[in-house]
Amino acid sequence: MEYRYLGNSGLKVSELCFGVMTFNGGNKSEIGSVDQAMANELSHCALENGITFFDSADVYSNGISETLLGKALGERRKETIVATKVRFPMSDKPNDTGLSRHHIIESCNTSLRRLGTDYIDLYQIHSYDQGTPLEETLRALDDLVRSGKIRYIGCSNLTAWQTMKTLALSEKLNLEQFITAQLYYSIGVRDIEHELVPLCLDQHLGILCWSPLSGGFFTGKFRRNTVDPSGSRRSDRKASSFRYWALDEERGYDIVDALEMIGNKQEKTIAQTALRWLLQRQAVTSVIFGARTTEQLLQNIGAAGWALPAEDMAFLNNISQPAVPYPLSHQMTSDSR
C-alpha cells in the first residue's frame, strides 16, 4: 500500500480509501446490508491490509454508517484517518439541512458522537448550498478547525467555478482552505478532467475519487449482450441511486473489454485494473471503494502494490478519451504565444 499526502497538507493517507456507505445496520437496501459484525470484520481487514483512510457521511443511512464505523474502529481510531460529510437533510426540520452555521455545527457535534471520537480528520461539504452565503459556511468550518473538532476541510461535488470561488474567499478572509475535492471519477466518466483536474493541480487539492467503478459497471459483471447480474445495485434501473452513475454504457463495454485485455497481462481483474488506472492519474490522492463482503474488499485492495506500464496506460487513456467541450476544444487548436 502506498501512502500519499492529503492534498496540500502534511498528512498522509492510504492510496485506497474504504468508503462505508454500505454500513447500514443490516437493513436491506440497494447499497447493501452490512451490520455491526460485518462492519467490524471489514474494517479490521482493511486495517490489516494497509488501509488507514475511511470515508463516511452523516446522510449515509441517516447516521448509521458513522455509528457502525466508530464502533468498528474502536481502540484503533488513532491509527486511522476518518472523513465524513455534511450538507443533506437529516430530518424534515427546516434547519436540519444545508451549509448554514447552525446546521454545520450541530451536524459536526452529532457526527462526533456517532463516531465515538473527539475529532474528525477531514470534514467535507457534500455539495454546494445556494441558499447559504459562502462566507457563513467557510467561517463555520474555520471555527471548527480552530476548536479542534475537525483538522482539515474538503469539498465534494462542486463545479470548478464554485471550488475556485471558495478558495479565493478563504484566502481573502484568511480562513481555513479546502485541501481535497471528492469527485465522481472513473475510467468511463472522465468529465472532471476538463476543468476540475487542472484546477486541483493548480491549487494543490487532492482528488478523492468516489464510485471509481461506476456503480459496479467496471467490475466485469456487466457485458455487452448479456443480462445484468441479479443482486448488483446497478442492475436496478429504478433505484434512486442509479442516477448518480451516469455513463455511456455502449462505450463502457469497449472500455471493459480493454480493461480485461490489459488486466490479463498483469494477472489482474477488470476491477483491479480500473482502480489501478485511476491511481496513476494526475492529482488523485486516494480512490474510495465500498465492499459488502471480505472477498470484495480483498479484491479491491489488489489494485495496490503494482503499476500499469506506460504503454498500457496510454492504451487505456486513448480508448476512454472523452470528447473535449468548447471552449477548451478551441483553446487546444489555437496558436500559442
Protein backbone atom coordinates (compact mmCIF):
# COMPACT_ATOMS: atom_id res chain seq x y z
CA MET A 1 0.00 0.00 0.00
CA GLU A 2 1.26 3.44 -0.94
CA TYR A 3 0.64 6.46 1.28
CA ARG A 4 0.15 9.90 -0.23
CA TYR A 5 -0.11 13.43 1.11
CA LEU A 6 -3.69 14.55 1.58
CA GLY A 7 -3.82 17.49 -0.80
CA ASN A 8 -1.63 20.40 0.22
CA SER A 9 -1.10 19.14 3.77
CA GLY A 10 1.47 17.18 5.71
CA LEU A 11 -1.00 14.37 6.43
CA LYS A 12 -0.60 11.05 4.66
CA VAL A 13 -3.41 8.64 3.78
CA SER A 14 -3.56 5.26 2.08
CA GLU A 15 -3.97 5.40 -1.70
CA LEU A 16 -7.11 3.30 -1.28
CA CYS A 17 -9.88 4.59 0.95
CA PHE A 18 -12.60 2.36 2.37
CA GLY A 19 -15.98 4.00 1.81
CA VAL A 20 -18.55 2.77 4.31
CA MET A 21 -21.85 3.75 2.70
CA THR A 22 -22.79 0.05 2.87
CA PHE A 23 -22.68 0.15 6.71
CA ASN A 24 -26.41 0.38 7.34
CA GLY A 25 -27.13 -1.88 10.30
CA GLY A 26 -28.11 -4.89 8.23
CA ASN A 27 -31.18 -3.25 6.72
CA LYS A 28 -31.93 -4.45 3.20
CA SER A 29 -31.32 -1.69 0.67
CA GLU A 30 -29.96 -1.03 -2.80
CA ILE A 31 -26.50 -0.29 -1.38
CA GLY A 32 -26.10 -3.44 0.69
CA SER A 33 -26.85 -4.60 4.21
CA VAL A 34 -23.73 -4.51 6.39
CA ASP A 35 -24.45 -4.95 10.10
CA GLN A 36 -22.11 -4.24 13.02
CA ALA A 37 -20.46 -7.66 12.99
CA MET A 38 -19.63 -7.41 9.29
CA ALA A 39 -18.57 -3.77 9.69
CA ASN A 40 -16.10 -4.90 12.34
CA GLU A 41 -14.76 -7.65 10.09
CA LEU A 42 -14.41 -5.41 7.04
CA SER A 43 -12.79 -2.54 8.95
CA HIS A 44 -10.25 -4.79 10.63
CA CYS A 45 -9.47 -6.49 7.33
CA ALA A 46 -8.91 -3.09 5.71
CA LEU A 47 -6.56 -2.03 8.52
CA GLU A 48 -4.60 -5.27 8.39
CA ASN A 49 -4.06 -4.73 4.66
CA GLY A 50 -2.70 -1.22 5.00
CA ILE A 51 -5.82 0.92 4.56
CA THR A 52 -5.79 3.81 7.02
CA PHE A 53 -8.36 6.07 5.32
CA PHE A 54 -12.12 5.65 5.89
CA ASP A 55 -14.89 7.78 4.36
CA SER A 56 -18.47 8.21 5.53
CA ALA A 57 -21.21 10.89 5.64
CA ASP A 58 -23.91 11.82 8.11
CA VAL A 59 -26.59 11.16 5.49
CA TYR A 60 -25.49 7.54 4.87
CA SER A 61 -28.37 5.54 6.35
CA ASN A 62 -29.21 8.63 8.41
CA GLY A 63 -26.17 8.33 10.65
CA ILE A 64 -25.97 4.56 10.98
CA SER A 65 -22.85 4.38 8.80
CA GLU A 66 -20.94 6.71 11.13
CA THR A 67 -22.12 4.84 14.22
CA LEU A 68 -21.05 1.44 12.89
CA LEU A 69 -17.71 2.80 11.69
CA GLY A 70 -16.95 4.38 15.07
CA LYS A 71 -17.66 1.13 16.90
CA ALA A 72 -15.73 -0.92 14.33
CA LEU A 73 -12.59 1.19 14.67
CA GLY A 74 -12.82 1.30 18.45
CA GLU A 75 -9.39 1.47 20.08
CA ARG A 76 -7.73 1.59 16.64
CA ARG A 77 -9.22 5.01 15.90
CA LYS A 78 -5.82 6.70 16.37
CA GLU A 79 -4.37 4.57 13.57
CA THR A 80 -6.85 5.91 11.05
CA ILE A 81 -7.83 8.99 9.09
CA VAL A 82 -11.60 9.40 9.22
CA ALA A 83 -13.51 11.56 6.76
CA THR A 84 -17.20 12.41 6.83
CA LYS A 85 -19.53 14.95 5.23
CA VAL A 86 -22.31 17.45 5.88
CA ARG A 87 -24.96 19.08 3.68
CA PHE A 88 -28.05 16.97 3.02
CA PRO A 89 -31.29 16.71 5.07
CA MET A 90 -31.13 14.64 8.23
CA SER A 91 -34.80 15.16 9.09
CA ASP A 92 -37.80 17.12 7.89
CA LYS A 93 -36.96 20.06 10.16
CA PRO A 94 -36.25 23.25 8.19
CA ASN A 95 -32.78 23.88 9.65
CA ASP A 96 -31.60 20.27 9.60
CA THR A 97 -30.11 20.62 6.13
CA GLY A 98 -27.75 22.84 4.14
CA LEU A 99 -24.49 24.58 4.97
CA SER A 100 -25.61 27.22 7.45
CA ARG A 101 -23.52 27.83 10.56
CA HIS A 102 -26.35 26.27 12.57
CA HIS A 103 -26.51 23.04 10.56
CA ILE A 104 -22.75 22.61 10.17
CA ILE A 105 -22.01 22.96 13.89
CA GLU A 106 -24.95 20.81 15.00
CA SER A 107 -24.09 18.16 12.42
CA CYS A 108 -20.42 18.11 13.35
CA ASN A 109 -21.21 17.62 17.04
CA THR A 110 -23.64 14.83 16.19
CA SER A 111 -21.14 13.12 13.86
CA LEU A 112 -18.51 13.25 16.61
CA ARG A 113 -20.89 11.48 18.99
CA ARG A 114 -21.83 8.83 16.43
CA LEU A 115 -18.20 8.18 15.52
CA GLY A 116 -17.22 8.00 19.19
CA THR A 117 -14.31 10.39 18.70
CA ASP A 118 -13.34 13.90 19.74
CA TYR A 119 -12.07 14.97 16.31
CA ILE A 120 -12.76 14.39 12.61
CA ASP A 121 -9.70 14.29 10.37
CA LEU A 122 -11.38 15.51 7.17
CA TYR A 123 -14.77 17.25 7.23
CA GLN A 124 -16.26 17.78 3.77
CA ILE A 125 -19.20 19.73 2.43
CA HIS A 126 -21.18 17.13 0.48
CA SER A 127 -22.44 19.55 -2.17
CA TYR A 128 -22.98 23.25 -2.85
CA ASP A 129 -25.66 25.21 -1.00
CA GLN A 130 -27.00 28.14 -2.99
CA GLY A 131 -29.15 29.23 -0.03
CA THR A 132 -26.27 29.99 2.33
CA PRO A 133 -23.60 32.69 1.86
CA LEU A 134 -20.21 31.09 1.28
CA GLU A 135 -18.65 33.28 3.95
CA GLU A 136 -21.02 31.84 6.56
CA THR A 137 -20.15 28.28 5.57
CA LEU A 138 -16.41 28.89 5.49
CA ARG A 139 -16.34 30.76 8.80
CA ALA A 140 -18.25 27.94 10.50
CA LEU A 141 -15.77 25.38 9.15
CA ASP A 142 -12.85 27.58 10.19
CA ASP A 143 -14.25 27.87 13.72
CA LEU A 144 -14.50 24.08 13.94
CA VAL A 145 -10.86 23.70 12.87
CA ARG A 146 -9.75 26.28 15.43
CA SER A 147 -11.75 24.50 18.13
CA GLY A 148 -10.00 21.21 17.36
CA LYS A 149 -13.17 19.35 16.41
CA ILE A 150 -12.03 18.97 12.81
CA ARG A 151 -8.49 19.04 11.44
CA TYR A 152 -8.88 19.57 7.69
CA ILE A 153 -11.73 20.52 5.38
CA GLY A 154 -12.68 19.43 1.88
CA CYS A 155 -15.46 19.73 -0.66
CA SER A 156 -17.42 17.29 -2.80
CA ASN A 157 -19.45 17.55 -5.99
CA LEU A 158 -18.68 21.22 -6.63
CA THR A 159 -18.12 22.70 -10.08
CA ALA A 160 -14.77 24.27 -10.94
CA TRP A 161 -16.06 27.83 -10.54
CA GLN A 162 -17.68 27.03 -7.19
CA THR A 163 -14.49 25.41 -5.92
CA MET A 164 -12.32 28.31 -7.05
CA LYS A 165 -14.70 30.83 -5.52
CA THR A 166 -14.46 29.14 -2.12
CA LEU A 167 -10.66 29.01 -2.30
CA ALA A 168 -10.45 32.69 -3.24
CA LEU A 169 -12.82 33.71 -0.45
CA SER A 170 -10.92 31.63 2.11
CA GLU A 171 -7.67 33.29 1.07
CA LYS A 172 -9.22 36.77 1.16
CA LEU A 173 -10.67 36.27 4.64
CA ASN A 174 -7.68 34.29 5.97
CA LEU A 175 -9.84 31.23 6.66
CA GLU A 176 -9.04 27.52 6.52
CA GLN A 177 -8.98 26.29 2.91
CA PHE A 178 -10.24 23.09 1.31
CA ILE A 179 -7.41 20.62 0.72
CA THR A 180 -9.42 17.95 -1.12
CA ALA A 181 -12.18 17.59 -3.69
CA GLN A 182 -14.21 14.37 -3.64
CA LEU A 183 -15.47 13.79 -7.17
CA TYR A 184 -17.11 11.17 -9.36
CA TYR A 185 -14.26 9.80 -11.45
CA SER A 186 -13.85 6.51 -13.28
CA ILE A 187 -12.17 5.34 -16.47
CA GLY A 188 -15.53 5.64 -18.22
CA VAL A 189 -16.53 9.00 -16.73
CA ARG A 190 -13.70 11.50 -17.15
CA ASP A 191 -15.68 14.76 -17.18
CA ILE A 192 -13.67 16.28 -14.32
CA GLU A 193 -10.52 16.24 -16.47
CA HIS A 194 -11.78 19.23 -18.47
CA GLU A 195 -11.73 21.83 -15.69
CA LEU A 196 -11.66 20.32 -12.19
CA VAL A 197 -8.46 18.30 -12.57
CA PRO A 198 -6.49 21.32 -13.91
CA LEU A 199 -7.91 23.40 -11.05
CA CYS A 200 -6.90 20.80 -8.45
CA LEU A 201 -3.40 20.58 -9.90
CA ASP A 202 -3.03 24.37 -9.93
CA GLN A 203 -4.44 24.87 -6.41
CA HIS A 204 -2.90 21.70 -4.91
CA LEU A 205 -6.16 19.99 -3.98
CA GLY A 206 -6.06 16.23 -3.67
CA ILE A 207 -8.76 14.40 -5.61
CA LEU A 208 -10.68 11.67 -3.78
CA CYS A 209 -12.50 9.52 -6.34
CA TRP A 210 -15.96 8.26 -5.48
CA SER A 211 -17.69 5.48 -7.42
CA PRO A 212 -14.46 4.59 -9.25
CA LEU A 213 -16.16 1.55 -10.79
CA SER A 214 -19.31 3.49 -11.80
CA GLY A 215 -21.65 1.57 -9.53
CA GLY A 216 -20.05 -1.77 -10.39
CA PHE A 217 -20.05 -1.36 -14.17
CA PHE A 218 -16.27 -1.67 -14.40
CA THR A 219 -16.08 -4.91 -12.45
CA GLY A 220 -16.71 -7.09 -15.49
CA LYS A 221 -20.17 -8.14 -14.31
CA PHE A 222 -21.81 -6.01 -17.00
CA ARG A 223 -21.02 -7.06 -20.57
CA ARG A 224 -22.49 -6.35 -23.97
CA ASN A 225 -25.44 -8.58 -24.99
CA THR A 226 -25.75 -10.15 -21.54
CA VAL A 227 -28.39 -9.91 -18.81
CA ASP A 228 -27.48 -7.63 -15.91
CA PRO A 229 -26.44 -9.67 -12.85
CA SER A 230 -29.04 -10.03 -10.11
CA GLY A 231 -28.15 -8.56 -6.74
CA SER A 232 -25.95 -5.79 -8.14
CA ARG A 233 -27.09 -2.29 -7.21
CA ARG A 234 -26.53 -1.05 -10.77
CA SER A 235 -28.88 -3.73 -12.09
CA ASP A 236 -31.87 -1.96 -10.52
CA ARG A 237 -32.51 0.75 -13.09
CA LYS A 238 -35.34 2.17 -10.96
CA ALA A 239 -33.20 2.60 -7.83
CA SER A 240 -32.88 6.20 -6.62
CA SER A 241 -29.09 5.93 -6.64
CA PHE A 242 -28.85 4.83 -10.28
CA ARG A 243 -28.81 8.44 -11.48
CA TYR A 244 -25.50 9.03 -9.69
CA TRP A 245 -23.61 6.68 -12.01
CA ALA A 246 -24.07 8.47 -15.33
CA LEU A 247 -22.25 6.53 -18.00
CA ASP A 248 -22.29 5.90 -21.74
CA GLU A 249 -22.72 2.14 -21.42
CA GLU A 250 -22.17 1.30 -25.09
CA ARG A 251 -18.79 2.99 -24.94
CA GLY A 252 -18.29 1.48 -21.50
CA TYR A 253 -18.48 -2.06 -22.88
CA ASP A 254 -15.49 -1.31 -25.12
CA ILE A 255 -13.58 0.00 -22.11
CA VAL A 256 -14.41 -3.15 -20.12
CA ASP A 257 -13.02 -5.28 -22.97
CA ALA A 258 -9.83 -3.20 -22.95
CA LEU A 259 -9.50 -3.47 -19.16
CA GLU A 260 -9.84 -7.23 -19.42
CA MET A 261 -7.12 -7.46 -22.06
CA ILE A 262 -4.70 -5.23 -20.13
CA GLY A 263 -5.55 -6.88 -16.82
CA ASN A 264 -4.85 -10.35 -18.17
CA LYS A 265 -1.30 -9.25 -18.99
CA GLN A 266 -0.77 -8.38 -15.32
CA GLU A 267 -2.90 -11.25 -13.96
CA LYS A 268 -5.30 -8.71 -12.50
CA THR A 269 -9.09 -8.47 -12.62
CA ILE A 270 -11.05 -5.90 -14.61
CA ALA A 271 -11.92 -4.03 -11.42
CA GLN A 272 -8.34 -4.02 -10.15
CA THR A 273 -7.14 -2.67 -13.48
CA ALA A 274 -9.81 0.07 -13.49
CA LEU A 275 -8.83 1.13 -9.97
CA ARG A 276 -5.13 1.00 -10.82
CA TRP A 277 -5.70 3.26 -13.83
CA LEU A 278 -7.22 5.88 -11.52
CA LEU A 279 -4.37 5.59 -9.02
CA GLN A 280 -1.96 6.59 -11.77
CA ARG A 281 -3.92 9.65 -12.90
CA GLN A 282 -2.88 13.22 -12.12
CA ALA A 283 -3.94 14.84 -8.84
CA VAL A 284 -5.52 11.66 -7.44
CA THR A 285 -4.74 11.26 -3.75
CA SER A 286 -6.96 8.31 -2.92
CA VAL A 287 -9.59 6.12 -4.57
CA ILE A 288 -12.70 5.39 -2.49
CA PHE A 289 -14.33 2.00 -2.87
CA GLY A 290 -17.01 0.13 -0.97
CA ALA A 291 -17.48 -3.53 -0.13
CA ARG A 292 -20.21 -5.74 1.25
CA THR A 293 -18.05 -8.81 1.80
CA THR A 294 -14.45 -9.55 2.78
CA GLU A 295 -13.93 -11.11 -0.64
CA GLN A 296 -14.94 -7.87 -2.38
CA LEU A 297 -12.72 -5.87 -0.05
CA LEU A 298 -9.64 -8.00 -0.72
CA GLN A 299 -10.28 -7.97 -4.46
CA ASN A 300 -10.30 -4.17 -4.48
CA ILE A 301 -7.20 -3.97 -2.28
CA GLY A 302 -5.50 -5.91 -5.06
CA ALA A 303 -5.35 -2.64 -7.01
CA ALA A 304 -2.46 -1.56 -4.78
CA GLY A 305 1.16 -2.67 -4.89
CA TRP A 306 1.78 -2.75 -8.66
CA ALA A 307 1.76 -0.40 -11.64
CA LEU A 308 0.42 -0.31 -15.17
CA PRO A 309 3.25 0.13 -17.71
CA ALA A 310 3.28 3.40 -19.64
CA GLU A 311 2.17 1.74 -22.87
CA ASP A 312 -0.85 0.14 -21.16
CA MET A 313 -1.81 3.44 -19.54
CA ALA A 314 -1.57 5.12 -22.94
CA PHE A 315 -3.79 2.44 -24.50
CA LEU A 316 -6.45 2.79 -21.79
CA ASN A 317 -6.23 6.58 -21.93
CA ASN A 318 -6.86 6.51 -25.67
CA ILE A 319 -9.81 4.12 -25.67
CA SER A 320 -11.54 6.01 -22.85
CA GLN A 321 -10.64 9.53 -24.05
CA PRO A 322 -13.65 11.84 -23.59
CA ALA A 323 -14.77 14.45 -26.10
CA VAL A 324 -13.39 17.90 -25.27
CA PRO A 325 -16.13 20.55 -24.89
CA TYR A 326 -16.00 24.15 -26.08
CA PRO A 327 -14.20 26.44 -25.28
CA LEU A 328 -11.47 24.01 -24.25
CA SER A 329 -11.55 22.42 -27.70
CA HIS A 330 -10.99 25.84 -29.24
CA GLN A 331 -8.08 26.60 -26.92
CA MET A 332 -6.40 23.30 -27.81
CA THR A 333 -6.34 24.23 -31.51
CA SER A 334 -5.48 27.91 -31.13
CA ASP A 335 -1.96 29.17 -31.77
CA SER A 336 0.03 29.57 -28.56
CA ARG A 337 2.10 32.69 -27.89
